[in-house]
Amino acid sequence: MPKKKNKKFKAQAKQEIRSTSQLVNKSTVINNAQTNELVNEPAVTSDEITILNEKYAYVRKDVTKLLITIGVLAALFVGFYFLGTHTNTLSSAGNWIYKVTNIQIQ
């Protein structure tokens, strides 16, 4: 009985492969005249680009702020890492904060 199920599965798989290969063959056939028109025409004009730049200027500002913030944080983390590995400054600062704030660990 399992062989019959396996044969059905193989037949369905072959049929799916044929149908997808036919779709790929149909989609790869492209008219050369249409491709030449697409290549020669500019997608977006300069006026549209300036309008979009003015409309979404706040996005550019937010992205630059975000990148600057991420860069500063990364530089601080790298700096603190090397400061902690080469000196005893961070450990002594942590001990001082512990004494000043009177943190109780139970």
C-alpha atoms as a PDB file:
ATOM      1  CA  MET A   1       0.000   0.000   0.000  1.00  0.00           C
ATOM      2  CA  PRO A   2       2.727   2.570   0.694  1.00  0.00           C
ATOM      3  CA  LYS A   3       4.022   2.145  -2.866  1.00  0.00           C
ATOM      4  CA  LYS A   4       0.731   3.401  -4.296  1.00  0.00           C
ATOM      5  CA  LYS A   5       0.883   6.522  -2.149  1.00  0.00           C
ATOM      6  CA  ASN A   6       4.468   7.050  -3.195  1.00  0.00           C
ATOM      7  CA  LYS A   7       3.529   6.749  -6.873  1.00  0.00           C
ATOM      8  CA  LYS A   8       0.770   9.332  -6.454  1.00  0.00           C
ATOM      9  CA  PHE A   9       3.188  11.690  -4.757  1.00  0.00           C
ATOM     10  CA  LYS A  10       5.778  11.265  -7.514  1.00  0.00           C
ATOM     11  CA  ALA A  11       3.154  11.906 -10.188  1.00  0.00           C
ATOM     12  CA  GLN A  12       1.994  15.085  -8.438  1.00  0.00           C
ATOM     13  CA  ALA A  13       5.579  16.268  -7.987  1.00  0.00           C
ATOM     14  CA  LYS A  14       6.357  15.734 -11.677  1.00  0.00           C
ATOM     15  CA  GLN A  15       3.213  17.617 -12.672  1.00  0.00           C
ATOM     16  CA  GLU A  16       4.133  20.552 -10.419  1.00  0.00           C
ATOM     17  CA  ILE A  17       7.646  20.650 -11.853  1.00  0.00           C
ATOM     18  CA  ARG A  18       6.276  20.705 -15.387  1.00  0.00           C
ATOM     19  CA  SER A  19       3.824  23.496 -14.598  1.00  0.00           C
ATOM     20  CA  THR A  20       6.489  25.653 -12.948  1.00  0.00           C
ATOM     21  CA  SER A  21       8.931  25.092 -15.806  1.00  0.00           C
ATOM     22  CA  GLN A  22       6.247  26.145 -18.274  1.00  0.00           C
ATOM     23  CA  LEU A  23       5.650  29.320 -16.287  1.00  0.00           C
ATOM     24  CA  VAL A  24       9.361  30.094 -16.252  1.00  0.00           C
ATOM     25  CA  ASN A  25       9.630  29.513 -19.998  1.00  0.00           C
ATOM     26  CA  LYS A  26       6.694  31.839 -20.654  1.00  0.00           C
ATOM     27  CA  SER A  27       8.075  34.549 -18.393  1.00  0.00           C
ATOM     28  CA  THR A  28      11.527  34.481 -19.990  1.00  0.00           C
ATOM     29  CA  VAL A  29      10.166  35.246 -23.442  1.00  0.00           C
ATOM     30  CA  ILE A  30      10.363  39.031 -23.712  1.00  0.00           C
ATOM     31  CA  ASN A  31       9.798  41.239 -26.711  1.00  0.00           C
ATOM     32  CA  ASN A  32      12.995  43.116 -27.620  1.00  0.00           C
ATOM     33  CA  ALA A  33      11.088  46.262 -28.572  1.00  0.00           C
ATOM     34  CA  GLN A  34       9.574  46.480 -25.091  1.00  0.00           C
ATOM     35  CA  THR A  35      12.958  46.083 -23.404  1.00  0.00           C
ATOM     36  CA  ASN A  36      14.468  48.817 -25.576  1.00  0.00           C
ATOM     37  CA  GLU A  37      11.676  51.200 -24.562  1.00  0.00           C
ATOM     38  CA  LEU A  38      12.215  50.410 -20.900  1.00  0.00           C
ATOM     39  CA  VAL A  39      15.955  50.976 -21.110  1.00  0.00           C
ATOM     40  CA  ASN A  40      15.689  54.279 -22.986  1.00  0.00           C
ATOM     41  CA  GLU A  41      13.028  55.891 -20.773  1.00  0.00           C
ATOM     42  CA  PRO A  42      14.141  57.349 -17.448  1.00  0.00           C
ATOM     43  CA  ALA A  43      12.247  55.873 -14.532  1.00  0.00           C
ATOM     44  CA  VAL A  44      11.940  59.094 -12.537  1.00  0.00           C
ATOM     45  CA  THR A  45      12.460  62.671 -13.648  1.00  0.00           C
ATOM     46  CA  SER A  46      14.571  65.170 -11.732  1.00  0.00           C
ATOM     47  CA  ASP A  47      11.467  67.204 -10.818  1.00  0.00           C
ATOM     48  CA  GLU A  48       9.919  64.172  -9.166  1.00  0.00           C
ATOM     49  CA  ILE A  49      13.139  63.532  -7.263  1.00  0.00           C
ATOM     50  CA  THR A  50      13.261  67.089  -5.911  1.00  0.00           C
ATOM     51  CA  ILE A  51       9.613  66.876  -4.865  1.00  0.00           C
ATOM     52  CA  LEU A  52      10.292  63.608  -3.039  1.00  0.00           C
ATOM     53  CA  ASN A  53      13.409  65.054  -1.405  1.00  0.00           C
ATOM     54  CA  GLU A  54      11.426  67.999  -0.082  1.00  0.00           C
ATOM     55  CA  LYS A  55       8.512  65.825   1.000  1.00  0.00           C
ATOM     56  CA  TYR A  56      10.637  63.315   2.932  1.00  0.00           C
ATOM     57  CA  ALA A  57      13.424  65.557   4.216  1.00  0.00           C
ATOM     58  CA  TYR A  58      12.495  64.680   7.800  1.00  0.00           C
ATOM     59  CA  VAL A  59      13.220  61.010   7.088  1.00  0.00           C
ATOM     60  CA  ARG A  60      16.757  61.837   5.967  1.00  0.00           C
ATOM     61  CA  LYS A  61      17.299  63.901   9.122  1.00  0.00           C
ATOM     62  CA  ASP A  62      15.987  61.099  11.342  1.00  0.00           C
ATOM     63  CA  VAL A  63      18.170  58.514   9.638  1.00  0.00           C
ATOM     64  CA  THR A  64      21.290  60.649  10.046  1.00  0.00           C
ATOM     65  CA  LYS A  65      20.488  61.210  13.737  1.00  0.00           C
ATOM     66  CA  LEU A  66      20.000  57.485  14.193  1.00  0.00           C
ATOM     67  CA  LEU A  67      23.279  56.638  12.460  1.00  0.00           C
ATOM     68  CA  ILE A  68      25.181  59.201  14.516  1.00  0.00           C
ATOM     69  CA  THR A  69      23.671  57.840  17.736  1.00  0.00           C
ATOM     70  CA  ILE A  70      24.506  54.248  16.842  1.00  0.00           C
ATOM     71  CA  GLY A  71      28.057  55.244  15.896  1.00  0.00           C
ATOM     72  CA  VAL A  72      28.602  57.117  19.164  1.00  0.00           C
ATOM     73  CA  LEU A  73      27.245  54.226  21.233  1.00  0.00           C
ATOM     74  CA  ALA A  74      29.418  51.721  19.391  1.00  0.00           C
ATOM     75  CA  ALA A  75      32.493  53.901  19.949  1.00  0.00           C
ATOM     76  CA  LEU A  76      31.663  54.221  23.660  1.00  0.00           C
ATOM     77  CA  PHE A  77      31.194  50.462  24.072  1.00  0.00           C
ATOM     78  CA  VAL A  78      34.498  49.739  22.338  1.00  0.00           C
ATOM     79  CA  GLY A  79      36.228  52.406  24.416  1.00  0.00           C
ATOM     80  CA  PHE A  80      34.793  51.087  27.689  1.00  0.00           C
ATOM     81  CA  TYR A  81      35.781  47.555  26.724  1.00  0.00           C
ATOM     82  CA  PHE A  82      39.421  48.476  26.136  1.00  0.00           C
ATOM     83  CA  LEU A  83      39.446  50.759  29.178  1.00  0.00           C
ATOM     84  CA  GLY A  84      38.187  47.890  31.326  1.00  0.00           C
ATOM     85  CA  THR A  85      40.692  45.386  29.984  1.00  0.00           C
ATOM     86  CA  HIS A  86      43.790  47.611  30.259  1.00  0.00           C
ATOM     87  CA  THR A  87      43.097  49.611  33.444  1.00  0.00           C
ATOM     88  CA  ASN A  88      41.351  49.237  36.783  1.00  0.00           C
ATOM     89  CA  THR A  89      39.374  52.486  36.380  1.00  0.00           C
ATOM     90  CA  LEU A  90      35.941  50.984  35.739  1.00  0.00           C
ATOM     91  CA  SER A  91      36.198  48.632  38.704  1.00  0.00           C
ATOM     92  CA  SER A  92      37.155  51.447  41.082  1.00  0.00           C
ATOM     93  CA  ALA A  93      34.347  53.637  39.694  1.00  0.00           C
ATOM     94  CA  GLY A  94      31.875  50.801  40.291  1.00  0.00           C
ATOM     95  CA  ASN A  95      33.098  50.398  43.869  1.00  0.00           C
ATOM     96  CA  TRP A  96      32.723  54.146  44.458  1.00  0.00           C
ATOM     97  CA  ILE A  97      29.136  54.138  43.104  1.00  0.00           C
ATOM     98  CA  TYR A  98      28.333  51.141  45.328  1.00  0.00           C
ATOM     99  CA  LYS A  99      29.619  52.961  48.428  1.00  0.00           C
ATOM    100  CA  VAL A 100      27.881  56.258  47.650  1.00  0.00           C
ATOM    101  CA  THR A 101      24.458  54.772  46.902  1.00  0.00           C
ATOM    102  CA  ASN A 102      24.523  52.260  49.784  1.00  0.00           C
ATOM    103  CA  ILE A 103      23.119  49.449  47.661  1.00  0.00           C
ATOM    104  CA  GLN A 104      22.277  46.393  49.773  1.00  0.00           C
ATOM    105  CA  ILE A 105      22.491  42.962  48.176  1.00  0.00           C
ATOM    106  CA  GLN A 106      20.843  40.200  50.179  1.00  0.00           C
END
